Amino acid sequence: MTKHNNRKKVDMKKIMIVVVVALAAACSNADVLWDWWCGNAGKTPVVHLGIACKADSVKAAEVSLLFNRTPVLQNGAQVCLGFNYGDDVNNGAQVSLFFNRAKSVKWVQAALVNCAKSAKVQAGLLNFNESGFLPFFPFFNLDKSLFD
């Protein structure tokens, strides 16, 4: 039984190494920008990573620990534990543990509290959507245009 358990551990280590190498290769040609605390105003990276992120726009993904405040996300997602704020999330999603706010989200907002003028799908405890089937609805809210 011990050999079998050791073999599983070795296999998991190999899988983790392959995943790390694949992620590094995928991001090697991308314009990845690190942000400690909202210090990249005036820049437009492909991928934006940090503790608290702010740039003029992001082309693919913005991932931070506490806060994302980039006005325009072109394609992809804003992801963080704390608070996402964006004006236009084009062809993308906002995913947070606590709070999402945007003027326009083309795909999904998912957090405890979601607030948008227009979002196709919202999932969370409280969902505020001016273009939703109701302006406020708990647990989920869907845009009126989905029913046309």
C-alpha atoms as a PDB file:
ATOM      1  CA  MET A   1       0.000   0.000   0.000  1.00  0.00           C
ATOM      2  CA  THR A   2       2.891   2.352   0.730  1.00  0.00           C
ATOM      3  CA  LYS A   3       4.279   2.028  -2.787  1.00  0.00           C
ATOM      4  CA  HIS A   4       0.885   2.903  -4.209  1.00  0.00           C
ATOM      5  CA  ASN A   5       0.602   6.063  -2.050  1.00  0.00           C
ATOM      6  CA  ASN A   6       4.136   7.146  -2.946  1.00  0.00           C
ATOM      7  CA  ARG A   7       3.332   6.625  -6.607  1.00  0.00           C
ATOM      8  CA  LYS A   8       0.277   8.893  -6.306  1.00  0.00           C
ATOM      9  CA  LYS A   9       2.403  11.599  -4.678  1.00  0.00           C
ATOM     10  CA  VAL A  10       4.970  11.398  -7.455  1.00  0.00           C
ATOM     11  CA  ASP A  11       2.235  11.539 -10.106  1.00  0.00           C
ATOM     12  CA  MET A  12       0.691  14.631  -8.501  1.00  0.00           C
ATOM     13  CA  LYS A  13       4.084  16.325  -8.404  1.00  0.00           C
ATOM     14  CA  LYS A  14       4.573  15.601 -12.099  1.00  0.00           C
ATOM     15  CA  ILE A  15       1.127  16.982 -12.909  1.00  0.00           C
ATOM     16  CA  MET A  16       1.821  20.167 -10.923  1.00  0.00           C
ATOM     17  CA  ILE A  17       5.132  20.673 -12.700  1.00  0.00           C
ATOM     18  CA  VAL A  18       3.471  20.251 -16.090  1.00  0.00           C
ATOM     19  CA  VAL A  19       0.736  22.764 -15.154  1.00  0.00           C
ATOM     20  CA  VAL A  20       3.268  25.356 -13.971  1.00  0.00           C
ATOM     21  CA  VAL A  21       5.372  24.955 -17.118  1.00  0.00           C
ATOM     22  CA  ALA A  22       2.261  25.218 -19.324  1.00  0.00           C
ATOM     23  CA  LEU A  23       1.120  28.406 -17.570  1.00  0.00           C
ATOM     24  CA  ALA A  24       4.581  29.923 -17.845  1.00  0.00           C
ATOM     25  CA  ALA A  25       4.704  29.118 -21.561  1.00  0.00           C
ATOM     26  CA  ALA A  26       1.240  30.562 -22.133  1.00  0.00           C
ATOM     27  CA  CYS A  27       2.111  33.821 -20.392  1.00  0.00           C
ATOM     28  CA  SER A  28       5.651  34.162 -21.760  1.00  0.00           C
ATOM     29  CA  ASN A  29       4.575  36.032 -24.892  1.00  0.00           C
ATOM     30  CA  ALA A  30       1.788  37.964 -23.185  1.00  0.00           C
ATOM     31  CA  ASP A  31       2.274  41.448 -21.811  1.00  0.00           C
ATOM     32  CA  VAL A  32       1.966  40.653 -18.086  1.00  0.00           C
ATOM     33  CA  LEU A  33       2.083  43.584 -15.689  1.00  0.00           C
ATOM     34  CA  TRP A  34       2.401  43.360 -11.895  1.00  0.00           C
ATOM     35  CA  ASP A  35       0.743  45.986  -9.686  1.00  0.00           C
ATOM     36  CA  TRP A  36       1.375  46.376  -5.961  1.00  0.00           C
ATOM     37  CA  TRP A  37      -1.161  49.129  -5.321  1.00  0.00           C
ATOM     38  CA  CYS A  38      -2.918  50.827  -8.274  1.00  0.00           C
ATOM     39  CA  GLY A  39       0.314  52.067  -9.848  1.00  0.00           C
ATOM     40  CA  ASN A  40      -0.195  51.288 -13.537  1.00  0.00           C
ATOM     41  CA  ALA A  41      -2.501  54.100 -14.630  1.00  0.00           C
ATOM     42  CA  GLY A  42      -1.869  54.963 -18.266  1.00  0.00           C
ATOM     43  CA  LYS A  43      -0.919  51.407 -19.246  1.00  0.00           C
ATOM     44  CA  THR A  44      -2.782  48.719 -21.214  1.00  0.00           C
ATOM     45  CA  PRO A  45      -1.441  45.241 -20.410  1.00  0.00           C
ATOM     46  CA  VAL A  46      -2.755  41.948 -21.750  1.00  0.00           C
ATOM     47  CA  VAL A  47      -2.715  40.378 -18.270  1.00  0.00           C
ATOM     48  CA  HIS A  48      -2.731  42.444 -15.092  1.00  0.00           C
ATOM     49  CA  LEU A  49      -1.794  40.788 -11.786  1.00  0.00           C
ATOM     50  CA  GLY A  50      -1.371  42.256  -8.333  1.00  0.00           C
ATOM     51  CA  ILE A  51      -2.657  43.080  -4.901  1.00  0.00           C
ATOM     52  CA  ALA A  52      -4.699  46.118  -6.009  1.00  0.00           C
ATOM     53  CA  CYS A  53      -4.834  46.734  -9.774  1.00  0.00           C
ATOM     54  CA  LYS A  54      -5.602  49.823 -11.813  1.00  0.00           C
ATOM     55  CA  ALA A  55      -4.747  50.460 -15.470  1.00  0.00           C
ATOM     56  CA  ASP A  56      -6.399  52.306 -18.379  1.00  0.00           C
ATOM     57  CA  SER A  57      -7.605  49.049 -19.893  1.00  0.00           C
ATOM     58  CA  VAL A  58      -6.771  45.357 -19.831  1.00  0.00           C
ATOM     59  CA  LYS A  59      -6.917  43.132 -22.907  1.00  0.00           C
ATOM     60  CA  ALA A  60      -7.398  39.673 -21.352  1.00  0.00           C
ATOM     61  CA  ALA A  61      -7.446  39.204 -17.581  1.00  0.00           C
ATOM     62  CA  GLU A  62      -7.087  41.205 -14.400  1.00  0.00           C
ATOM     63  CA  VAL A  63      -6.450  39.126 -11.285  1.00  0.00           C
ATOM     64  CA  SER A  64      -5.765  40.636  -7.893  1.00  0.00           C
ATOM     65  CA  LEU A  65      -6.032  39.881  -4.222  1.00  0.00           C
ATOM     66  CA  LEU A  66      -8.012  42.901  -2.962  1.00  0.00           C
ATOM     67  CA  PHE A  67      -9.162  45.332  -5.642  1.00  0.00           C
ATOM     68  CA  ASN A  68      -9.508  45.809  -9.424  1.00  0.00           C
ATOM     69  CA  ARG A  69     -10.332  49.278 -10.762  1.00  0.00           C
ATOM     70  CA  THR A  70      -9.632  49.221 -14.488  1.00  0.00           C
ATOM     71  CA  PRO A  71     -12.352  50.983 -16.494  1.00  0.00           C
ATOM     72  CA  VAL A  72     -12.234  48.818 -19.636  1.00  0.00           C
ATOM     73  CA  LEU A  73     -11.700  45.070 -19.818  1.00  0.00           C
ATOM     74  CA  GLN A  74     -11.626  44.125 -23.494  1.00  0.00           C
ATOM     75  CA  ASN A  75     -11.895  40.290 -23.340  1.00  0.00           C
ATOM     76  CA  GLY A  76     -11.638  38.033 -20.358  1.00  0.00           C
ATOM     77  CA  ALA A  77     -12.306  38.471 -16.662  1.00  0.00           C
ATOM     78  CA  GLN A  78     -11.739  40.614 -13.612  1.00  0.00           C
ATOM     79  CA  VAL A  79     -11.113  38.274 -10.690  1.00  0.00           C
ATOM     80  CA  CYS A  80     -10.357  39.107  -7.063  1.00  0.00           C
ATOM     81  CA  LEU A  81     -11.292  38.311  -3.493  1.00  0.00           C
ATOM     82  CA  GLY A  82     -12.506  41.789  -2.595  1.00  0.00           C
ATOM     83  CA  PHE A  83     -13.890  44.382  -4.995  1.00  0.00           C
ATOM     84  CA  ASN A  84     -14.116  44.627  -8.812  1.00  0.00           C
ATOM     85  CA  TYR A  85     -15.056  47.917 -10.452  1.00  0.00           C
ATOM     86  CA  GLY A  86     -15.149  48.480 -14.195  1.00  0.00           C
ATOM     87  CA  ASP A  87     -17.048  50.680 -16.611  1.00  0.00           C
ATOM     88  CA  ASP A  88     -17.180  48.335 -19.603  1.00  0.00           C
ATOM     89  CA  VAL A  89     -16.429  44.642 -19.258  1.00  0.00           C
ATOM     90  CA  ASN A  90     -16.587  43.733 -22.969  1.00  0.00           C
ATOM     91  CA  ASN A  91     -16.874  40.015 -23.713  1.00  0.00           C
ATOM     92  CA  GLY A  92     -15.949  39.237 -20.168  1.00  0.00           C
ATOM     93  CA  ALA A  93     -16.962  38.496 -16.615  1.00  0.00           C
ATOM     94  CA  GLN A  94     -16.467  39.848 -13.138  1.00  0.00           C
ATOM     95  CA  VAL A  95     -15.870  37.277 -10.416  1.00  0.00           C
ATOM     96  CA  SER A  96     -15.282  38.240  -6.817  1.00  0.00           C
ATOM     97  CA  LEU A  97     -15.931  36.864  -3.384  1.00  0.00           C
ATOM     98  CA  PHE A  98     -17.555  40.060  -2.068  1.00  0.00           C
ATOM     99  CA  PHE A  99     -18.525  42.849  -4.507  1.00  0.00           C
ATOM    100  CA  ASN A 100     -18.718  43.594  -8.262  1.00  0.00           C
ATOM    101  CA  ARG A 101     -19.736  46.908  -9.798  1.00  0.00           C
ATOM    102  CA  ALA A 102     -19.845  47.845 -13.484  1.00  0.00           C
ATOM    103  CA  LYS A 103     -21.784  49.925 -15.968  1.00  0.00           C
ATOM    104  CA  SER A 104     -21.883  47.146 -18.539  1.00  0.00           C
ATOM    105  CA  VAL A 105     -20.975  43.443 -18.292  1.00  0.00           C
ATOM    106  CA  LYS A 106     -21.461  41.331 -21.416  1.00  0.00           C
ATOM    107  CA  TRP A 107     -21.361  37.941 -19.686  1.00  0.00           C
ATOM    108  CA  VAL A 108     -21.527  37.229 -15.957  1.00  0.00           C
ATOM    109  CA  GLN A 109     -21.129  38.906 -12.597  1.00  0.00           C
ATOM    110  CA  ALA A 110     -20.647  36.548  -9.658  1.00  0.00           C
ATOM    111  CA  ALA A 111     -20.141  37.721  -6.051  1.00  0.00           C
ATOM    112  CA  LEU A 112     -22.044  38.164  -2.816  1.00  0.00           C
ATOM    113  CA  VAL A 113     -23.214  41.588  -4.102  1.00  0.00           C
ATOM    114  CA  ASN A 114     -23.418  42.505  -7.807  1.00  0.00           C
ATOM    115  CA  CYS A 115     -24.344  45.936  -9.125  1.00  0.00           C
ATOM    116  CA  ALA A 116     -24.594  46.942 -12.818  1.00  0.00           C
ATOM    117  CA  LYS A 117     -26.545  49.108 -15.209  1.00  0.00           C
ATOM    118  CA  SER A 118     -26.487  46.194 -17.643  1.00  0.00           C
ATOM    119  CA  ALA A 119     -25.333  42.626 -17.006  1.00  0.00           C
ATOM    120  CA  LYS A 120     -26.480  39.526 -18.894  1.00  0.00           C
ATOM    121  CA  VAL A 121     -26.333  37.179 -15.887  1.00  0.00           C
ATOM    122  CA  GLN A 122     -25.754  37.914 -12.217  1.00  0.00           C
ATOM    123  CA  ALA A 123     -25.274  35.286  -9.515  1.00  0.00           C
ATOM    124  CA  GLY A 124     -24.961  36.192  -5.865  1.00  0.00           C
ATOM    125  CA  LEU A 125     -26.788  36.974  -2.662  1.00  0.00           C
ATOM    126  CA  LEU A 126     -27.867  40.489  -3.786  1.00  0.00           C
ATOM    127  CA  ASN A 127     -28.094  41.448  -7.480  1.00  0.00           C
ATOM    128  CA  PHE A 128     -28.856  44.964  -8.712  1.00  0.00           C
ATOM    129  CA  ASN A 129     -29.305  45.277 -12.486  1.00  0.00           C
ATOM    130  CA  GLU A 130     -31.103  48.235 -14.103  1.00  0.00           C
ATOM    131  CA  SER A 131     -31.699  46.198 -17.274  1.00  0.00           C
ATOM    132  CA  GLY A 132     -32.599  43.013 -15.409  1.00  0.00           C
ATOM    133  CA  PHE A 133     -36.011  41.361 -15.402  1.00  0.00           C
ATOM    134  CA  LEU A 134     -36.300  43.111 -12.015  1.00  0.00           C
ATOM    135  CA  PRO A 135     -34.029  45.964 -10.854  1.00  0.00           C
ATOM    136  CA  PHE A 136     -33.186  43.917  -7.747  1.00  0.00           C
ATOM    137  CA  PHE A 137     -33.411  40.180  -7.281  1.00  0.00           C
ATOM    138  CA  PRO A 138     -31.707  37.856  -4.771  1.00  0.00           C
ATOM    139  CA  PHE A 139     -29.567  34.875  -5.821  1.00  0.00           C
ATOM    140  CA  PHE A 140     -29.688  35.588  -9.591  1.00  0.00           C
ATOM    141  CA  ASN A 141     -30.804  38.256 -12.057  1.00  0.00           C
ATOM    142  CA  LEU A 142     -31.063  38.013 -15.836  1.00  0.00           C
ATOM    143  CA  ASP A 143     -31.069  40.754 -18.455  1.00  0.00           C
ATOM    144  CA  LYS A 144     -34.393  41.408 -20.201  1.00  0.00           C
ATOM    145  CA  SER A 145     -32.719  40.944 -23.586  1.00  0.00           C
ATOM    146  CA  LEU A 146     -32.219  37.234 -22.836  1.00  0.00           C
ATOM    147  CA  PHE A 147     -36.004  36.779 -23.009  1.00  0.00           C
ATOM    148  CA  ASP A 148     -36.491  38.522 -26.398  1.00  0.00           C
END
